mmCIF file of all heavy atoms, coordinates in Angstrom:
data_MODEL
# 
_entry.id   MODEL 
# 
loop_
_atom_site.group_PDB 
_atom_site.id 
_atom_site.type_symbol 
_atom_site.label_atom_id 
_atom_site.label_alt_id 
_atom_site.label_comp_id 
_atom_site.label_asym_id 
_atom_site.label_entity_id 
_atom_site.label_seq_id 
_atom_site.pdbx_PDB_ins_code 
_atom_site.Cartn_x 
_atom_site.Cartn_y 
_atom_site.Cartn_z 
_atom_site.occupancy 
_atom_site.B_iso_or_equiv 
_atom_site.pdbx_formal_charge 
_atom_site.auth_seq_id 
_atom_site.auth_comp_id 
_atom_site.auth_asym_id 
_atom_site.auth_atom_id 
_atom_site.pdbx_PDB_model_num 
ATOM 1   N N   . GLN A 1 1  ? 69.279 82.615  135.288 1.00 0.00 ? 1  GLN A N   1 
ATOM 2   C CA  . GLN A 1 1  ? 70.418 82.111  134.527 1.00 0.00 ? 1  GLN A CA  1 
ATOM 3   C C   . GLN A 1 1  ? 70.996 83.210  133.634 1.00 0.00 ? 1  GLN A C   1 
ATOM 4   O O   . GLN A 1 1  ? 70.255 83.893  132.927 1.00 0.00 ? 1  GLN A O   1 
ATOM 5   C CB  . GLN A 1 1  ? 69.992 80.922  133.658 1.00 0.00 ? 1  GLN A CB  1 
ATOM 6   C CG  . GLN A 1 1  ? 69.318 79.801  134.428 1.00 0.00 ? 1  GLN A CG  1 
ATOM 7   C CD  . GLN A 1 1  ? 70.217 79.211  135.502 1.00 0.00 ? 1  GLN A CD  1 
ATOM 8   O OE1 . GLN A 1 1  ? 71.387 78.950  135.245 1.00 0.00 ? 1  GLN A OE1 1 
ATOM 9   N NE2 . GLN A 1 1  ? 69.664 79.002  136.686 1.00 0.00 ? 1  GLN A NE2 1 
ATOM 10  N N   . ILE A 1 2  ? 72.301 83.367  133.657 1.00 0.00 ? 2  ILE A N   1 
ATOM 11  C CA  . ILE A 1 2  ? 72.978 84.321  132.779 1.00 0.00 ? 2  ILE A CA  1 
ATOM 12  C C   . ILE A 1 2  ? 73.134 83.735  131.379 1.00 0.00 ? 2  ILE A C   1 
ATOM 13  O O   . ILE A 1 2  ? 73.565 82.599  131.211 1.00 0.00 ? 2  ILE A O   1 
ATOM 14  C CB  . ILE A 1 2  ? 74.369 84.675  133.333 1.00 0.00 ? 2  ILE A CB  1 
ATOM 15  C CG1 . ILE A 1 2  ? 74.252 85.570  134.564 1.00 0.00 ? 2  ILE A CG1 1 
ATOM 16  C CG2 . ILE A 1 2  ? 75.231 85.337  132.254 1.00 0.00 ? 2  ILE A CG2 1 
ATOM 17  C CD1 . ILE A 1 2  ? 73.933 87.010  134.266 1.00 0.00 ? 2  ILE A CD1 1 
ATOM 18  N N   . VAL A 1 3  ? 72.768 84.514  130.371 1.00 0.00 ? 3  VAL A N   1 
ATOM 19  C CA  . VAL A 1 3  ? 73.086 84.217  128.980 1.00 0.00 ? 3  VAL A CA  1 
ATOM 20  C C   . VAL A 1 3  ? 73.992 85.343  128.506 1.00 0.00 ? 3  VAL A C   1 
ATOM 21  O O   . VAL A 1 3  ? 73.576 86.501  128.422 1.00 0.00 ? 3  VAL A O   1 
ATOM 22  C CB  . VAL A 1 3  ? 71.830 84.119  128.102 1.00 0.00 ? 3  VAL A CB  1 
ATOM 23  C CG1 . VAL A 1 3  ? 72.226 83.971  126.630 1.00 0.00 ? 3  VAL A CG1 1 
ATOM 24  C CG2 . VAL A 1 3  ? 70.968 82.950  128.540 1.00 0.00 ? 3  VAL A CG2 1 
ATOM 25  N N   . GLU A 1 4  ? 75.236 84.992  128.218 1.00 0.00 ? 4  GLU A N   1 
ATOM 26  C CA  . GLU A 1 4  ? 76.234 86.001  127.905 1.00 0.00 ? 4  GLU A CA  1 
ATOM 27  C C   . GLU A 1 4  ? 76.292 86.252  126.407 1.00 0.00 ? 4  GLU A C   1 
ATOM 28  O O   . GLU A 1 4  ? 76.380 85.321  125.607 1.00 0.00 ? 4  GLU A O   1 
ATOM 29  C CB  . GLU A 1 4  ? 77.596 85.524  128.414 1.00 0.00 ? 4  GLU A CB  1 
ATOM 30  C CG  . GLU A 1 4  ? 78.515 86.616  128.846 1.00 0.00 ? 4  GLU A CG  1 
ATOM 31  C CD  . GLU A 1 4  ? 79.772 86.086  129.537 1.00 0.00 ? 4  GLU A CD  1 
ATOM 32  O OE1 . GLU A 1 4  ? 79.838 84.877  129.843 1.00 0.00 ? 4  GLU A OE1 1 
ATOM 33  O OE2 . GLU A 1 4  ? 80.691 86.896  129.753 1.00 0.00 ? 4  GLU A OE2 1 
ATOM 34  N N   . THR A 1 5  ? 76.211 87.521  126.011 1.00 0.00 ? 5  THR A N   1 
ATOM 35  C CA  . THR A 1 5  ? 76.475 87.923  124.634 1.00 0.00 ? 5  THR A CA  1 
ATOM 36  C C   . THR A 1 5  ? 77.606 88.943  124.669 1.00 0.00 ? 5  THR A C   1 
ATOM 37  O O   . THR A 1 5  ? 78.032 89.385  125.741 1.00 0.00 ? 5  THR A O   1 
ATOM 38  C CB  . THR A 1 5  ? 75.232 88.544  123.970 1.00 0.00 ? 5  THR A CB  1 
ATOM 39  O OG1 . THR A 1 5  ? 74.917 89.775  124.629 1.00 0.00 ? 5  THR A OG1 1 
ATOM 40  C CG2 . THR A 1 5  ? 74.039 87.606  124.070 1.00 0.00 ? 5  THR A CG2 1 
ATOM 41  N N   . SER A 1 6  ? 78.109 89.325  123.510 1.00 0.00 ? 6  SER A N   1 
ATOM 42  C CA  . SER A 1 6  ? 79.258 90.221  123.454 1.00 0.00 ? 6  SER A CA  1 
ATOM 43  C C   . SER A 1 6  ? 78.893 91.546  122.813 1.00 0.00 ? 6  SER A C   1 
ATOM 44  O O   . SER A 1 6  ? 77.989 91.634  121.970 1.00 0.00 ? 6  SER A O   1 
ATOM 45  C CB  . SER A 1 6  ? 80.399 89.583  122.649 1.00 0.00 ? 6  SER A CB  1 
ATOM 46  O OG  . SER A 1 6  ? 80.852 88.408  123.280 1.00 0.00 ? 6  SER A OG  1 
ATOM 47  N N   . LEU A 1 7  ? 79.620 92.584  123.202 1.00 0.00 ? 7  LEU A N   1 
ATOM 48  C CA  . LEU A 1 7  ? 79.580 93.843  122.485 1.00 0.00 ? 7  LEU A CA  1 
ATOM 49  C C   . LEU A 1 7  ? 80.252 93.661  121.126 1.00 0.00 ? 7  LEU A C   1 
ATOM 50  O O   . LEU A 1 7  ? 80.928 92.658  120.876 1.00 0.00 ? 7  LEU A O   1 
ATOM 51  C CB  . LEU A 1 7  ? 80.315 94.922  123.281 1.00 0.00 ? 7  LEU A CB  1 
ATOM 52  C CG  . LEU A 1 7  ? 79.794 95.216  124.691 1.00 0.00 ? 7  LEU A CG  1 
ATOM 53  C CD1 . LEU A 1 7  ? 80.742 96.159  125.418 1.00 0.00 ? 7  LEU A CD1 1 
ATOM 54  C CD2 . LEU A 1 7  ? 78.391 95.800  124.647 1.00 0.00 ? 7  LEU A CD2 1 
ATOM 55  N N   . THR A 1 8  ? 80.087 94.628  120.242 1.00 0.00 ? 8  THR A N   1 
ATOM 56  C CA  . THR A 1 8  ? 80.778 94.565  118.954 1.00 0.00 ? 8  THR A CA  1 
ATOM 57  C C   . THR A 1 8  ? 82.274 94.801  119.160 1.00 0.00 ? 8  THR A C   1 
ATOM 58  O O   . THR A 1 8  ? 82.725 95.174  120.249 1.00 0.00 ? 8  THR A O   1 
ATOM 59  C CB  . THR A 1 8  ? 80.249 95.639  117.993 1.00 0.00 ? 8  THR A CB  1 
ATOM 60  O OG1 . THR A 1 8  ? 80.626 96.932  118.484 1.00 0.00 ? 8  THR A OG1 1 
ATOM 61  C CG2 . THR A 1 8  ? 78.736 95.555  117.855 1.00 0.00 ? 8  THR A CG2 1 
ATOM 62  N N   . ALA A 1 9  ? 83.043 94.645  118.097 1.00 0.00 ? 9  ALA A N   1 
ATOM 63  C CA  . ALA A 1 9  ? 84.482 94.883  118.170 1.00 0.00 ? 9  ALA A CA  1 
ATOM 64  C C   . ALA A 1 9  ? 84.788 96.323  118.537 1.00 0.00 ? 9  ALA A C   1 
ATOM 65  O O   . ALA A 1 9  ? 85.853 96.629  119.078 1.00 0.00 ? 9  ALA A O   1 
ATOM 66  C CB  . ALA A 1 9  ? 85.133 94.532  116.831 1.00 0.00 ? 9  ALA A CB  1 
ATOM 67  N N   . GLU A 1 10 ? 83.845 97.225  118.265 1.00 0.00 ? 10 GLU A N   1 
ATOM 68  C CA  . GLU A 1 10 ? 84.016 98.631  118.616 1.00 0.00 ? 10 GLU A CA  1 
ATOM 69  C C   . GLU A 1 10 ? 83.461 98.952  119.999 1.00 0.00 ? 10 GLU A C   1 
ATOM 70  O O   . GLU A 1 10 ? 83.409 100.120 120.401 1.00 0.00 ? 10 GLU A O   1 
ATOM 71  C CB  . GLU A 1 10 ? 83.324 99.528  117.572 1.00 0.00 ? 10 GLU A CB  1 
ATOM 72  C CG  . GLU A 1 10 ? 83.944 99.485  116.187 1.00 0.00 ? 10 GLU A CG  1 
ATOM 73  C CD  . GLU A 1 10 ? 83.627 98.183  115.461 1.00 0.00 ? 10 GLU A CD  1 
ATOM 74  O OE1 . GLU A 1 10 ? 82.501 97.641  115.650 1.00 0.00 ? 10 GLU A OE1 1 
ATOM 75  O OE2 . GLU A 1 10 ? 84.510 97.695  114.717 1.00 0.00 ? 10 GLU A OE2 1 
ATOM 76  N N   . GLY A 1 11 ? 83.017 97.920  120.717 1.00 0.00 ? 11 GLY A N   1 
ATOM 77  C CA  . GLY A 1 11 ? 82.505 98.131  122.061 1.00 0.00 ? 11 GLY A CA  1 
ATOM 78  C C   . GLY A 1 11 ? 81.082 98.657  122.105 1.00 0.00 ? 11 GLY A C   1 
ATOM 79  O O   . GLY A 1 11 ? 80.660 99.225  123.119 1.00 0.00 ? 11 GLY A O   1 
ATOM 80  N N   . ARG A 1 12 ? 80.310 98.454  121.055 1.00 0.00 ? 12 ARG A N   1 
ATOM 81  C CA  . ARG A 1 12 ? 78.937 98.955  120.989 1.00 0.00 ? 12 ARG A CA  1 
ATOM 82  C C   . ARG A 1 12 ? 77.945 97.812  121.233 1.00 0.00 ? 12 ARG A C   1 
ATOM 83  O O   . ARG A 1 12 ? 78.286 96.628  121.138 1.00 0.00 ? 12 ARG A O   1 
ATOM 84  C CB  . ARG A 1 12 ? 78.642 99.564  119.617 1.00 0.00 ? 12 ARG A CB  1 
ATOM 85  C CG  . ARG A 1 12 ? 79.649 100.537 119.067 1.00 0.00 ? 12 ARG A CG  1 
ATOM 86  C CD  . ARG A 1 12 ? 79.829 101.791 119.876 1.00 0.00 ? 12 ARG A CD  1 
ATOM 87  N NE  . ARG A 1 12 ? 78.583 102.452 120.241 1.00 0.00 ? 12 ARG A NE  1 
ATOM 88  C CZ  . ARG A 1 12 ? 78.536 103.655 120.841 1.00 0.00 ? 12 ARG A CZ  1 
ATOM 89  N NH1 . ARG A 1 12 ? 79.658 104.299 121.126 1.00 0.00 ? 12 ARG A NH1 1 
ATOM 90  N NH2 . ARG A 1 12 ? 77.377 104.200 121.158 1.00 0.00 ? 12 ARG A NH2 1 
ATOM 91  N N   . LEU A 1 13 ? 76.695 98.181  121.529 1.00 0.00 ? 13 LEU A N   1 
ATOM 92  C CA  . LEU A 1 13 ? 75.641 97.181  121.651 1.00 0.00 ? 13 LEU A CA  1 
ATOM 93  C C   . LEU A 1 13 ? 75.429 96.479  120.311 1.00 0.00 ? 13 LEU A C   1 
ATOM 94  O O   . LEU A 1 13 ? 75.468 97.115  119.251 1.00 0.00 ? 13 LEU A O   1 
ATOM 95  C CB  . LEU A 1 13 ? 74.323 97.834  122.071 1.00 0.00 ? 13 LEU A CB  1 
ATOM 96  C CG  . LEU A 1 13 ? 74.192 98.294  123.511 1.00 0.00 ? 13 LEU A CG  1 
ATOM 97  C CD1 . LEU A 1 13 ? 72.821 98.947  123.729 1.00 0.00 ? 13 LEU A CD1 1 
ATOM 98  C CD2 . LEU A 1 13 ? 74.375 97.139  124.485 1.00 0.00 ? 13 LEU A CD2 1 
ATOM 99  N N   . ASP A 1 14 ? 75.180 95.183  120.379 1.00 0.00 ? 14 ASP A N   1 
ATOM 100 C CA  . ASP A 1 14 ? 74.962 94.374  119.182 1.00 0.00 ? 14 ASP A CA  1 
ATOM 101 C C   . ASP A 1 14 ? 73.572 93.758  119.284 1.00 0.00 ? 14 ASP A C   1 
ATOM 102 O O   . ASP A 1 14 ? 73.381 92.746  119.962 1.00 0.00 ? 14 ASP A O   1 
ATOM 103 C CB  . ASP A 1 14 ? 76.041 93.290  119.089 1.00 0.00 ? 14 ASP A CB  1 
ATOM 104 C CG  . ASP A 1 14 ? 75.981 92.504  117.793 1.00 0.00 ? 14 ASP A CG  1 
ATOM 105 O OD1 . ASP A 1 14 ? 74.906 92.459  117.172 1.00 0.00 ? 14 ASP A OD1 1 
ATOM 106 O OD2 . ASP A 1 14 ? 77.011 91.918  117.412 1.00 0.00 ? 14 ASP A OD2 1 
ATOM 107 N N   . ALA A 1 15 ? 72.598 94.380  118.631 1.00 0.00 ? 15 ALA A N   1 
ATOM 108 C CA  . ALA A 1 15 ? 71.210 93.911  118.728 1.00 0.00 ? 15 ALA A CA  1 
ATOM 109 C C   . ALA A 1 15 ? 71.060 92.496  118.182 1.00 0.00 ? 15 ALA A C   1 
ATOM 110 O O   . ALA A 1 15 ? 70.269 91.698  118.722 1.00 0.00 ? 15 ALA A O   1 
ATOM 111 C CB  . ALA A 1 15 ? 70.280 94.869  117.989 1.00 0.00 ? 15 ALA A CB  1 
ATOM 112 N N   . ASP A 1 16 ? 71.792 92.168  117.138 1.00 0.00 ? 16 ASP A N   1 
ATOM 113 C CA  . ASP A 1 16 ? 71.693 90.816  116.571 1.00 0.00 ? 16 ASP A CA  1 
ATOM 114 C C   . ASP A 1 16 ? 72.195 89.782  117.575 1.00 0.00 ? 16 ASP A C   1 
ATOM 115 O O   . ASP A 1 16 ? 71.590 88.711  117.738 1.00 0.00 ? 16 ASP A O   1 
ATOM 116 C CB  . ASP A 1 16 ? 72.506 90.714  115.284 1.00 0.00 ? 16 ASP A CB  1 
ATOM 117 C CG  . ASP A 1 16 ? 71.897 91.515  114.143 1.00 0.00 ? 16 ASP A CG  1 
ATOM 118 O OD1 . ASP A 1 16 ? 70.685 91.785  114.196 1.00 0.00 ? 16 ASP A OD1 1 
ATOM 119 O OD2 . ASP A 1 16 ? 72.643 91.870  113.208 1.00 0.00 ? 16 ASP A OD2 1 
ATOM 120 N N   . ALA A 1 17 ? 73.302 90.080  118.264 1.00 0.00 ? 17 ALA A N   1 
ATOM 121 C CA  . ALA A 1 17 ? 73.820 89.149  119.266 1.00 0.00 ? 17 ALA A CA  1 
ATOM 122 C C   . ALA A 1 17 ? 72.838 89.013  120.424 1.00 0.00 ? 17 ALA A C   1 
ATOM 123 O O   . ALA A 1 17 ? 72.656 87.911  120.970 1.00 0.00 ? 17 ALA A O   1 
ATOM 124 C CB  . ALA A 1 17 ? 75.179 89.634  119.774 1.00 0.00 ? 17 ALA A CB  1 
ATOM 125 N N   . ILE A 1 18 ? 72.198 90.108  120.811 1.00 0.00 ? 18 ILE A N   1 
ATOM 126 C CA  . ILE A 1 18 ? 71.213 90.048  121.897 1.00 0.00 ? 18 ILE A CA  1 
ATOM 127 C C   . ILE A 1 18 ? 70.026 89.194  121.476 1.00 0.00 ? 18 ILE A C   1 
ATOM 128 O O   . ILE A 1 18 ? 69.523 88.379  122.262 1.00 0.00 ? 18 ILE A O   1 
ATOM 129 C CB  . ILE A 1 18 ? 70.783 91.472  122.288 1.00 0.00 ? 18 ILE A CB  1 
ATOM 130 C CG1 . ILE A 1 18 ? 71.948 92.197  122.983 1.00 0.00 ? 18 ILE A CG1 1 
ATOM 131 C CG2 . ILE A 1 18 ? 69.557 91.439  123.196 1.00 0.00 ? 18 ILE A CG2 1 
ATOM 132 C CD1 . ILE A 1 18 ? 71.711 93.671  123.215 1.00 0.00 ? 18 ILE A CD1 1 
ATOM 133 N N   . GLU A 1 19 ? 69.589 89.351  120.238 1.00 0.00 ? 19 GLU A N   1 
ATOM 134 C CA  . GLU A 1 19 ? 68.470 88.528  119.773 1.00 0.00 ? 19 GLU A CA  1 
ATOM 135 C C   . GLU A 1 19 ? 68.864 87.045  119.754 1.00 0.00 ? 19 GLU A C   1 
ATOM 136 O O   . GLU A 1 19 ? 68.067 86.179  120.150 1.00 0.00 ? 19 GLU A O   1 
ATOM 137 C CB  . GLU A 1 19 ? 68.009 88.967  118.389 1.00 0.00 ? 19 GLU A CB  1 
ATOM 138 C CG  . GLU A 1 19 ? 66.797 88.195  117.902 1.00 0.00 ? 19 GLU A CG  1 
ATOM 139 C CD  . GLU A 1 19 ? 65.973 88.933  116.880 1.00 0.00 ? 19 GLU A CD  1 
ATOM 140 O OE1 . GLU A 1 19 ? 66.551 89.700  116.081 1.00 0.00 ? 19 GLU A OE1 1 
ATOM 141 O OE2 . GLU A 1 19 ? 64.740 88.732  116.855 1.00 0.00 ? 19 GLU A OE2 1 
ATOM 142 N N   . GLU A 1 20 ? 70.081 86.759  119.303 1.00 0.00 ? 20 GLU A N   1 
ATOM 143 C CA  . GLU A 1 20 ? 70.543 85.367  119.306 1.00 0.00 ? 20 GLU A CA  1 
ATOM 144 C C   . GLU A 1 20 ? 70.566 84.828  120.735 1.00 0.00 ? 20 GLU A C   1 
ATOM 145 O O   . GLU A 1 20 ? 70.200 83.671  120.979 1.00 0.00 ? 20 GLU A O   1 
ATOM 146 C CB  . GLU A 1 20 ? 71.932 85.298  118.676 1.00 0.00 ? 20 GLU A CB  1 
ATOM 147 C CG  . GLU A 1 20 ? 72.425 83.895  118.368 1.00 0.00 ? 20 GLU A CG  1 
ATOM 148 C CD  . GLU A 1 20 ? 73.121 83.243  119.566 1.00 0.00 ? 20 GLU A CD  1 
ATOM 149 O OE1 . GLU A 1 20 ? 73.676 83.989  120.407 1.00 0.00 ? 20 GLU A OE1 1 
ATOM 150 O OE2 . GLU A 1 20 ? 73.103 81.996  119.659 1.00 0.00 ? 20 GLU A OE2 1 
ATOM 151 N N   . GLY A 1 21 ? 70.980 85.654  121.694 1.00 0.00 ? 21 GLY A N   1 
ATOM 152 C CA  . GLY A 1 21 ? 70.965 85.235  123.090 1.00 0.00 ? 21 GLY A CA  1 
ATOM 153 C C   . GLY A 1 21 ? 69.562 84.962  123.589 1.00 0.00 ? 21 GLY A C   1 
ATOM 154 O O   . GLY A 1 21 ? 69.330 84.000  124.342 1.00 0.00 ? 21 GLY A O   1 
ATOM 155 N N   . LEU A 1 22 ? 68.604 85.785  123.180 1.00 0.00 ? 22 LEU A N   1 
ATOM 156 C CA  . LEU A 1 22 ? 67.210 85.557  123.578 1.00 0.00 ? 22 LEU A CA  1 
ATOM 157 C C   . LEU A 1 22 ? 66.667 84.277  122.948 1.00 0.00 ? 22 LEU A C   1 
ATOM 158 O O   . LEU A 1 22 ? 65.898 83.534  123.589 1.00 0.00 ? 22 LEU A O   1 
ATOM 159 C CB  . LEU A 1 22 ? 66.353 86.750  123.176 1.00 0.00 ? 22 LEU A CB  1 
ATOM 160 C CG  . LEU A 1 22 ? 66.568 88.019  124.010 1.00 0.00 ? 22 LEU A CG  1 
ATOM 161 C CD1 . LEU A 1 22 ? 65.843 89.200  123.386 1.00 0.00 ? 22 LEU A CD1 1 
ATOM 162 C CD2 . LEU A 1 22 ? 66.088 87.799  125.451 1.00 0.00 ? 22 LEU A CD2 1 
ATOM 163 N N   . LEU A 1 23 ? 67.042 84.003  121.717 1.00 0.00 ? 23 LEU A N   1 
ATOM 164 C CA  . LEU A 1 23 ? 66.614 82.761  121.079 1.00 0.00 ? 23 LEU A CA  1 
ATOM 165 C C   . LEU A 1 23 ? 67.186 81.550  121.814 1.00 0.00 ? 23 LEU A C   1 
ATOM 166 O O   . LEU A 1 23 ? 66.488 80.529  122.003 1.00 0.00 ? 23 LEU A O   1 
ATOM 167 C CB  . LEU A 1 23 ? 67.046 82.751  119.610 1.00 0.00 ? 23 LEU A CB  1 
ATOM 168 C CG  . LEU A 1 23 ? 66.290 83.729  118.688 1.00 0.00 ? 23 LEU A CG  1 
ATOM 169 C CD1 . LEU A 1 23 ? 66.974 83.821  117.330 1.00 0.00 ? 23 LEU A CD1 1 
ATOM 170 C CD2 . LEU A 1 23 ? 64.836 83.278  118.536 1.00 0.00 ? 23 LEU A CD2 1 
ATOM 171 N N   . ARG A 1 24 ? 68.448 81.649  122.240 1.00 0.00 ? 24 ARG A N   1 
ATOM 172 C CA  . ARG A 1 24 ? 69.039 80.558  123.029 1.00 0.00 ? 24 ARG A CA  1 
ATOM 173 C C   . ARG A 1 24 ? 68.297 80.389  124.345 1.00 0.00 ? 24 ARG A C   1 
ATOM 174 O O   . ARG A 1 24 ? 68.071 79.258  124.809 1.00 0.00 ? 24 ARG A O   1 
ATOM 175 C CB  . ARG A 1 24 ? 70.516 80.844  123.289 1.00 0.00 ? 24 ARG A CB  1 
ATOM 176 C CG  . ARG A 1 24 ? 71.440 80.522  122.131 1.00 0.00 ? 24 ARG A CG  1 
ATOM 177 C CD  . ARG A 1 24 ? 72.894 80.579  122.570 1.00 0.00 ? 24 ARG A CD  1 
ATOM 178 N NE  . ARG A 1 24 ? 73.387 81.940  122.661 1.00 0.00 ? 24 ARG A NE  1 
ATOM 179 C CZ  . ARG A 1 24 ? 74.102 82.413  123.658 1.00 0.00 ? 24 ARG A CZ  1 
ATOM 180 N NH1 . ARG A 1 24 ? 74.393 81.646  124.703 1.00 0.00 ? 24 ARG A NH1 1 
ATOM 181 N NH2 . ARG A 1 24 ? 74.524 83.663  123.655 1.00 0.00 ? 24 ARG A NH2 1 
ATOM 182 N N   . ALA A 1 25 ? 67.939 81.509  124.946 1.00 0.00 ? 25 ALA A N   1 
ATOM 183 C CA  . ALA A 1 25 ? 67.206 81.438  126.215 1.00 0.00 ? 25 ALA A CA  1 
ATOM 184 C C   . ALA A 1 25 ? 65.853 80.755  126.030 1.00 0.00 ? 25 ALA A C   1 
ATOM 185 O O   . ALA A 1 25 ? 65.458 79.902  126.838 1.00 0.00 ? 25 ALA A O   1 
ATOM 186 C CB  . ALA A 1 25 ? 67.028 82.854  126.766 1.00 0.00 ? 25 ALA A CB  1 
ATOM 187 N N   . ARG A 1 26 ? 65.162 81.123  124.968 1.00 0.00 ? 26 ARG A N   1 
ATOM 188 C CA  . ARG A 1 26 ? 63.861 80.495  124.686 1.00 0.00 ? 26 ARG A CA  1 
ATOM 189 C C   . ARG A 1 26 ? 64.027 78.987  124.439 1.00 0.00 ? 26 ARG A C   1 
ATOM 190 O O   . ARG A 1 26 ? 63.244 78.174  124.932 1.00 0.00 ? 26 ARG A O   1 
ATOM 191 C CB  . ARG A 1 26 ? 63.234 81.156  123.461 1.00 0.00 ? 26 ARG A CB  1 
ATOM 192 C CG  . ARG A 1 26 ? 62.715 82.561  123.692 1.00 0.00 ? 26 ARG A CG  1 
ATOM 193 C CD  . ARG A 1 26 ? 61.496 82.560  124.568 1.00 0.00 ? 26 ARG A CD  1 
ATOM 194 N NE  . ARG A 1 26 ? 60.793 83.839  124.538 1.00 0.00 ? 26 ARG A NE  1 
ATOM 195 C CZ  . ARG A 1 26 ? 59.814 84.140  125.356 1.00 0.00 ? 26 ARG A CZ  1 
ATOM 196 N NH1 . ARG A 1 26 ? 59.431 83.265  126.270 1.00 0.00 ? 26 ARG A NH1 1 
ATOM 197 N NH2 . ARG A 1 26 ? 59.225 85.308  125.292 1.00 0.00 ? 26 ARG A NH2 1 
# 
């Protein structure tokens, strides 16, 4: 299953968004 998160407004990796996505997955 895909859990989609977003890059930052500057197009960079967003570790907080990735963690939130992992929490949703769990």
